[in-house]
C-alpha atoms as a PDB file:
ATOM      1  CA  SER A   1       4.084  63.609 -23.555  1.00  0.00           C
ATOM      2  CA  ALA A   2       0.423  62.995 -22.788  1.00  0.00           C
ATOM      3  CA  GLY A   3      -0.202  61.635 -19.275  1.00  0.00           C
ATOM      4  CA  LYS A   4       2.804  63.558 -17.970  1.00  0.00           C
ATOM      5  CA  TYR A   5       3.425  67.117 -16.848  1.00  0.00           C
ATOM      6  CA  ALA A   6       6.475  69.360 -16.647  1.00  0.00           C
ATOM      7  CA  GLU A   7       7.983  70.209 -13.295  1.00  0.00           C
ATOM      8  CA  SER A   8      11.513  71.604 -12.790  1.00  0.00           C
ATOM      9  CA  ASN A   9      12.394  70.823 -16.406  1.00  0.00           C
ATOM     10  CA  GLU A  10      11.332  67.173 -15.934  1.00  0.00           C
ATOM     11  CA  CYS A  11       8.360  65.211 -17.224  1.00  0.00           C
ATOM     12  CA  LYS A  12       6.494  63.576 -14.339  1.00  0.00           C
ATOM     13  CA  GLN A  13       3.748  60.965 -14.489  1.00  0.00           C
ATOM     14  CA  CYS A  14       0.250  62.177 -13.620  1.00  0.00           C
ATOM     15  CA  ALA A  15      -1.268  60.710 -10.455  1.00  0.00           C
ATOM     16  CA  GLU A  16      -3.744  57.834 -10.769  1.00  0.00           C
ATOM     17  CA  GLY A  17      -7.107  59.109 -11.999  1.00  0.00           C
ATOM     18  CA  HIS A  18      -5.595  62.197 -13.652  1.00  0.00           C
ATOM     19  CA  VAL A  19      -4.742  63.073 -17.267  1.00  0.00           C
ATOM     20  CA  SER A  20      -2.827  65.774 -19.129  1.00  0.00           C
ATOM     21  CA  SER A  21      -2.491  67.063 -22.653  1.00  0.00           C
ATOM     22  CA  GLU A  22       0.684  66.835 -24.759  1.00  0.00           C
ATOM     23  CA  GLY A  23       3.163  69.385 -23.333  1.00  0.00           C
ATOM     24  CA  GLY A  24       0.925  69.904 -20.305  1.00  0.00           C
ATOM     25  CA  ILE A  25       2.073  71.759 -17.238  1.00  0.00           C
ATOM     26  CA  GLU A  26      -0.506  70.189 -14.962  1.00  0.00           C
ATOM     27  CA  CYS A  27      -2.706  67.117 -14.640  1.00  0.00           C
ATOM     28  CA  THR A  28      -6.469  67.220 -14.387  1.00  0.00           C
ATOM     29  CA  ALA A  29      -8.607  64.825 -12.366  1.00  0.00           C
ATOM     30  CA  CYS A  30     -11.210  62.827 -14.257  1.00  0.00           C
ATOM     31  CA  SER A  31     -14.648  64.004 -13.171  1.00  0.00           C
ATOM     32  CA  ALA A  32     -17.015  61.920 -11.047  1.00  0.00           C
ATOM     33  CA  GLY A  33     -18.570  59.102 -13.071  1.00  0.00           C
ATOM     34  CA  LYS A  34     -15.392  58.707 -15.131  1.00  0.00           C
ATOM     35  CA  TYR A  35     -12.071  56.929 -14.674  1.00  0.00           C
ATOM     36  CA  ALA A  36      -8.601  57.385 -16.140  1.00  0.00           C
ATOM     37  CA  GLU A  37      -7.325  54.760 -18.569  1.00  0.00           C
ATOM     38  CA  GLY A  38      -4.180  55.439 -20.530  1.00  0.00           C
ATOM     39  CA  ASN A  39      -4.423  59.200 -20.722  1.00  0.00           C
ATOM     40  CA  GLU A  40      -8.157  59.342 -21.274  1.00  0.00           C
ATOM     41  CA  CYS A  41     -11.108  59.915 -18.976  1.00  0.00           C
ATOM     42  CA  LYS A  42     -13.651  57.237 -19.809  1.00  0.00           C
ATOM     43  CA  GLN A  43     -17.270  56.975 -18.709  1.00  0.00           C
ATOM     44  CA  CYS A  44     -18.030  54.317 -16.080  1.00  0.00           C
ATOM     45  CA  ALA A  45     -20.149  51.436 -17.375  1.00  0.00           C
ATOM     46  CA  ALA A  46     -23.854  51.536 -16.541  1.00  0.00           C
ATOM     47  CA  GLY A  47     -24.459  50.329 -12.972  1.00  0.00           C
ATOM     48  CA  HIS A  48     -21.012  51.552 -11.845  1.00  0.00           C
ATOM     49  CA  VAL A  49     -19.927  54.758 -10.066  1.00  0.00           C
ATOM     50  CA  SER A  50     -16.709  56.633  -9.267  1.00  0.00           C
ATOM     51  CA  PRO A  51     -15.707  59.732  -7.347  1.00  0.00           C
ATOM     52  CA  GLU A  52     -13.558  62.399  -9.020  1.00  0.00           C
ATOM     53  CA  GLY A  53      -9.943  61.453  -9.787  1.00  0.00           C
ATOM     54  CA  THR A  54     -10.056  57.642  -9.778  1.00  0.00           C
ATOM     55  CA  ALA A  55      -8.636  54.967 -12.038  1.00  0.00           C
ATOM     56  CA  SER A  56     -11.582  52.584 -11.695  1.00  0.00           C
ATOM     57  CA  CYS A  57     -15.322  52.407 -11.164  1.00  0.00           C
ATOM     58  CA  THR A  58     -17.215  50.412  -8.534  1.00  0.00           C
ATOM     59  CA  ALA A  59     -20.354  48.350  -9.268  1.00  0.00           C
ATOM     60  CA  CYS A  60     -23.475  49.236  -7.313  1.00  0.00           C
ATOM     61  CA  SER A  61     -24.217  46.390  -4.901  1.00  0.00           C
ATOM     62  CA  ALA A  62     -27.196  44.063  -5.294  1.00  0.00           C
ATOM     63  CA  GLY A  63     -30.393  45.751  -4.118  1.00  0.00           C
ATOM     64  CA  LYS A  64     -29.251  49.101  -5.523  1.00  0.00           C
ATOM     65  CA  TYR A  65     -29.181  50.746  -8.949  1.00  0.00           C
ATOM     66  CA  GLU A  66     -27.061  53.467 -10.489  1.00  0.00           C
ATOM     67  CA  GLU A  67     -28.554  56.829 -11.330  1.00  0.00           C
ATOM     68  CA  GLY A  68     -26.499  59.969 -11.942  1.00  0.00           C
ATOM     69  CA  ASN A  69     -23.285  58.390 -10.578  1.00  0.00           C
ATOM     70  CA  GLU A  70     -25.060  57.410  -7.340  1.00  0.00           C
ATOM     71  CA  CYS A  71     -26.033  53.959  -6.082  1.00  0.00           C
ATOM     72  CA  LYS A  72     -29.637  54.241  -4.919  1.00  0.00           C
ATOM     73  CA  GLN A  73     -31.648  51.725  -2.906  1.00  0.00           C
ATOM     74  CA  CYS A  74     -34.355  49.817  -4.778  1.00  0.00           C
ATOM     75  CA  ALA A  75     -37.909  50.641  -3.756  1.00  0.00           C
ATOM     76  CA  GLU A  76     -39.708  48.279  -1.399  1.00  0.00           C
ATOM     77  CA  GLY A  77     -40.803  45.117  -3.208  1.00  0.00           C
ATOM     78  CA  HIS A  78     -38.105  45.484  -5.883  1.00  0.00           C
ATOM     79  CA  VAL A  79     -34.736  43.756  -6.417  1.00  0.00           C
ATOM     80  CA  SER A  80     -31.601  44.217  -8.547  1.00  0.00           C
ATOM     81  CA  SER A  81     -28.370  42.410  -9.307  1.00  0.00           C
ATOM     82  CA  GLU A  82     -24.878  43.802  -8.646  1.00  0.00           C
ATOM     83  CA  GLY A  83     -24.064  46.547 -11.162  1.00  0.00           C
ATOM     84  CA  GLY A  84     -27.768  47.066 -11.797  1.00  0.00           C
ATOM     85  CA  ILE A  85     -29.187  49.991 -13.678  1.00  0.00           C
ATOM     86  CA  GLU A  86     -32.767  49.325 -12.674  1.00  0.00           C
ATOM     87  CA  CYS A  87     -34.779  47.444 -10.093  1.00  0.00           C
ATOM     88  CA  THR A  88     -37.383  44.830 -10.920  1.00  0.00           C
ATOM     89  CA  ALA A  89     -40.650  44.349  -9.050  1.00  0.00           C
ATOM     90  CA  CYS A  90     -41.249  40.904  -7.603  1.00  0.00           C
ATOM     91  CA  SER A  91     -44.038  39.203  -9.524  1.00  0.00           C
ATOM     92  CA  ALA A  92     -47.523  38.491  -8.202  1.00  0.00           C
ATOM     93  CA  GLY A  93     -47.550  35.814  -5.507  1.00  0.00           C
ATOM     94  CA  LYS A  94     -44.067  36.853  -4.348  1.00  0.00           C
ATOM     95  CA  TYR A  95     -42.551  39.436  -2.008  1.00  0.00           C
ATOM     96  CA  ALA A  96     -39.087  40.996  -1.687  1.00  0.00           C
ATOM     97  CA  GLU A  97     -36.882  40.140   1.281  1.00  0.00           C
ATOM     98  CA  GLY A  98     -33.152  40.846   1.377  1.00  0.00           C
ATOM     99  CA  ASN A  99     -32.995  41.551  -2.374  1.00  0.00           C
ATOM    100  CA  GLU A 100     -34.650  38.219  -3.161  1.00  0.00           C
ATOM    101  CA  CYS A 101     -38.153  37.500  -4.455  1.00  0.00           C
ATOM    102  CA  LYS A 102     -39.721  34.824  -2.252  1.00  0.00           C
ATOM    103  CA  GLN A 103     -42.933  32.871  -2.694  1.00  0.00           C
ATOM    104  CA  CYS A 104     -45.861  33.860  -0.439  1.00  0.00           C
ATOM    105  CA  ALA A 105     -46.789  31.250   2.171  1.00  0.00           C
ATOM    106  CA  ALA A 106     -49.920  29.164   1.613  1.00  0.00           C
ATOM    107  CA  GLY A 107     -53.048  31.161   2.396  1.00  0.00           C
ATOM    108  CA  HIS A 108     -51.345  34.459   1.485  1.00  0.00           C
ATOM    109  CA  VAL A 109     -51.410  36.592  -1.666  1.00  0.00           C
ATOM    110  CA  SER A 110     -49.410  39.450  -3.171  1.00  0.00           C
ATOM    111  CA  PRO A 111     -50.080  41.713  -6.171  1.00  0.00           C
ATOM    112  CA  GLY A 112     -46.309  41.871  -6.735  1.00  0.00           C
ATOM    113  CA  GLY A 113     -43.888  44.712  -6.039  1.00  0.00           C
ATOM    114  CA  THR A 114     -44.431  44.382  -2.289  1.00  0.00           C
ATOM    115  CA  ALA A 115     -42.317  43.544   0.743  1.00  0.00           C
ATOM    116  CA  SER A 116     -44.970  41.301   2.309  1.00  0.00           C
ATOM    117  CA  CYS A 117     -47.919  39.083   1.519  1.00  0.00           C
ATOM    118  CA  ILE A 118     -51.487  39.484   2.744  1.00  0.00           C
ATOM    119  CA  ALA A 119     -53.287  36.644   4.532  1.00  0.00           C
ATOM    120  CA  CYS A 120     -56.661  35.617   3.101  1.00  0.00           C
ATOM    121  CA  SER A 121     -59.433  36.511   5.532  1.00  0.00           C
ATOM    122  CA  ALA A 122     -61.551  33.969   7.431  1.00  0.00           C
ATOM    123  CA  GLY A 123     -63.898  32.049   5.151  1.00  0.00           C
ATOM    124  CA  LYS A 124     -61.531  32.383   2.205  1.00  0.00           C
ATOM    125  CA  TYR A 125     -58.640  30.312   0.839  1.00  0.00           C
ATOM    126  CA  GLU A 126     -55.770  31.040  -1.520  1.00  0.00           C
ATOM    127  CA  GLU A 127     -55.684  29.560  -4.985  1.00  0.00           C
ATOM    128  CA  GLY A 128     -53.487  30.863  -7.775  1.00  0.00           C
ATOM    129  CA  ASN A 129     -52.602  34.012  -5.766  1.00  0.00           C
ATOM    130  CA  GLU A 130     -56.294  34.837  -5.254  1.00  0.00           C
ATOM    131  CA  CYS A 131     -58.370  34.679  -2.075  1.00  0.00           C
ATOM    132  CA  LYS A 132     -61.470  32.681  -2.945  1.00  0.00           C
ATOM    133  CA  GLN A 133     -64.667  32.236  -0.944  1.00  0.00           C
ATOM    134  CA  CYS A 134     -65.071  28.841   0.698  1.00  0.00           C
ATOM    135  CA  ALA A 135     -67.984  26.772  -0.594  1.00  0.00           C
ATOM    136  CA  GLU A 136     -71.131  26.814   1.528  1.00  0.00           C
ATOM    137  CA  GLY A 137     -70.734  24.632   4.584  1.00  0.00           C
ATOM    138  CA  HIS A 138     -66.907  24.855   4.457  1.00  0.00           C
ATOM    139  CA  VAL A 139     -64.543  26.978   6.549  1.00  0.00           C
ATOM    140  CA  SER A 140     -60.912  27.979   6.305  1.00  0.00           C
END
Protein backbone atom coordinates (compact mmCIF):
# COMPACT_ATOMS: atom_id res chain seq x y z
CA SER A 1 0.00 0.00 0.00
CA ALA A 2 1.03 3.64 -0.25
CA GLY A 3 3.71 4.66 2.26
CA LYS A 4 5.19 1.15 2.14
CA TYR A 5 7.57 -0.67 -0.17
CA ALA A 6 8.17 -4.30 -1.06
CA GLU A 7 11.29 -6.05 0.18
CA SER A 8 11.74 -9.85 0.30
CA ASN A 9 8.03 -10.36 -0.38
CA GLU A 10 7.13 -8.12 2.58
CA CYS A 11 5.63 -4.64 2.76
CA LYS A 12 7.85 -2.35 4.86
CA GLN A 13 7.09 1.12 6.15
CA CYS A 14 8.94 3.98 4.46
CA ALA A 15 11.41 5.87 6.63
CA GLU A 16 10.35 9.19 8.17
CA GLY A 17 10.31 11.92 5.53
CA HIS A 18 9.86 9.46 2.66
CA VAL A 19 6.85 8.39 0.57
CA SER A 20 5.99 5.70 -1.95
CA SER A 21 3.31 4.97 -4.50
CA GLU A 22 0.81 2.10 -4.28
CA GLY A 23 2.73 -1.13 -5.05
CA GLY A 24 6.02 0.76 -4.82
CA ILE A 25 9.35 -0.99 -4.68
CA GLU A 26 11.17 1.95 -3.12
CA CYS A 27 10.55 5.07 -1.06
CA THR A 28 11.42 8.56 -2.17
CA ALA A 29 12.59 11.36 0.10
CA CYS A 30 10.49 14.52 0.15
CA SER A 31 12.52 17.33 -1.41
CA ALA A 32 13.94 20.25 0.57
CA GLY A 33 11.22 22.70 1.57
CA LYS A 34 8.69 19.87 1.95
CA TYR A 35 7.83 17.36 4.67
CA ALA A 36 6.13 13.97 4.69
CA GLU A 37 2.67 13.70 6.21
CA GLY A 38 0.68 10.54 5.72
CA ASN A 39 2.11 9.47 2.40
CA GLU A 40 2.27 12.93 0.89
CA CYS A 41 5.04 15.48 0.53
CA LYS A 42 3.61 18.80 1.65
CA GLN A 43 5.07 22.28 1.26
CA CYS A 44 6.45 23.87 4.44
CA ALA A 45 4.45 26.87 5.65
CA ALA A 46 5.84 30.31 4.82
CA GLY A 47 8.64 31.25 7.22
CA HIS A 48 9.59 27.57 7.74
CA VAL A 49 12.34 25.43 6.17
CA SER A 50 13.30 21.76 5.92
CA PRO A 51 16.14 19.73 4.45
CA GLU A 52 15.40 16.81 2.12
CA GLY A 53 13.73 13.76 3.67
CA THR A 54 12.18 15.17 6.85
CA ALA A 55 8.82 14.78 8.54
CA SER A 56 8.62 18.37 9.80
CA CYS A 57 9.63 21.93 9.06
CA THR A 58 11.47 24.37 11.32
CA ALA A 59 10.47 28.03 11.79
CA CYS A 60 13.11 30.63 10.96
CA SER A 61 14.21 32.28 14.21
CA ALA A 62 13.37 35.88 15.09
CA GLY A 63 15.64 38.29 13.21
CA LYS A 64 15.59 36.08 10.11
CA TYR A 65 13.19 35.49 7.23
CA GLU A 66 12.58 32.58 4.89
CA GLU A 67 13.47 32.83 1.23
CA GLY A 68 13.87 29.83 -1.06
CA ASN A 69 13.92 27.34 1.86
CA GLU A 70 16.71 29.31 3.58
CA CYS A 71 16.57 31.39 6.75
CA LYS A 72 18.31 34.67 5.93
CA GLN A 73 19.41 37.40 8.33
CA CYS A 74 17.38 40.62 8.29
CA ALA A 75 19.22 43.65 6.97
CA GLU A 76 20.65 46.13 9.46
CA GLY A 77 17.89 48.28 10.99
CA HIS A 78 15.21 45.65 10.31
CA VAL A 79 13.47 43.08 12.56
CA SER A 80 11.24 40.01 12.17
CA SER A 81 9.29 37.60 14.35
CA GLU A 82 9.89 33.84 14.53
CA GLY A 83 8.64 32.15 11.34
CA GLY A 84 8.88 35.47 9.50
CA ILE A 85 8.64 35.80 5.76
CA GLU A 86 9.85 39.39 5.68
CA CYS A 87 11.71 41.89 7.80
CA THR A 88 10.31 45.25 8.85
CA ALA A 89 12.32 48.46 9.09
CA CYS A 90 12.29 50.19 12.46
CA SER A 91 10.32 53.42 12.19
CA ALA A 92 11.78 56.92 12.32
CA GLY A 93 13.09 57.83 15.77
CA LYS A 94 13.99 54.19 16.47
CA TYR A 95 16.91 51.85 15.79
CA ALA A 96 17.27 48.06 15.66
CA GLU A 97 19.22 46.25 18.36
CA GLY A 98 18.99 42.51 18.95
CA ASN A 99 15.89 42.16 16.74
CA GLU A 100 14.09 44.87 18.70
CA CYS A 101 13.20 48.42 17.66
CA LYS A 102 14.32 50.78 20.42
CA GLN A 103 13.64 54.48 20.90
CA CYS A 104 16.54 56.86 20.18
CA ALA A 105 17.96 58.60 23.25
CA ALA A 106 17.10 62.26 23.81
CA GLY A 107 19.14 64.51 21.53
CA HIS A 108 19.41 61.78 18.86
CA VAL A 109 17.48 61.15 15.63
CA SER A 110 16.99 58.30 13.17
CA PRO A 111 15.34 58.18 9.73
CA GLY A 112 14.28 54.59 10.49
CA GLY A 113 15.69 51.34 9.14
CA THR A 114 19.01 51.92 10.91
CA ALA A 115 21.03 50.19 13.61
CA SER A 116 21.94 53.43 15.39
CA CYS A 117 20.79 56.97 16.02
CA ILE A 118 22.64 60.17 15.14
CA ALA A 119 23.37 62.81 17.78
CA CYS A 120 22.20 66.35 16.98
CA SER A 121 25.20 68.62 16.47
CA ALA A 122 26.20 71.46 18.81
CA GLY A 123 23.75 74.35 18.70
CA LYS A 124 20.85 72.04 17.83
CA TYR A 125 18.31 70.07 19.85
CA GLU A 126 16.02 67.15 19.06
CA GLU A 127 12.30 67.62 18.80
CA GLY A 128 9.98 65.14 17.13
CA ASN A 129 12.93 63.20 15.64
CA GLU A 130 14.34 66.38 14.05
CA CYS A 131 17.46 68.34 14.96
CA LYS A 132 16.35 71.95 15.31
CA GLN A 133 18.48 75.08 15.61
CA CYS A 134 18.61 76.61 19.08
CA ALA A 135 17.08 80.07 19.36
CA GLU A 136 19.51 82.99 19.31
CA GLY A 137 21.28 83.33 22.63
CA HIS A 138 20.64 79.67 23.55
CA VAL A 139 22.99 76.69 23.41
CA SER A 140 22.61 72.94 23.55
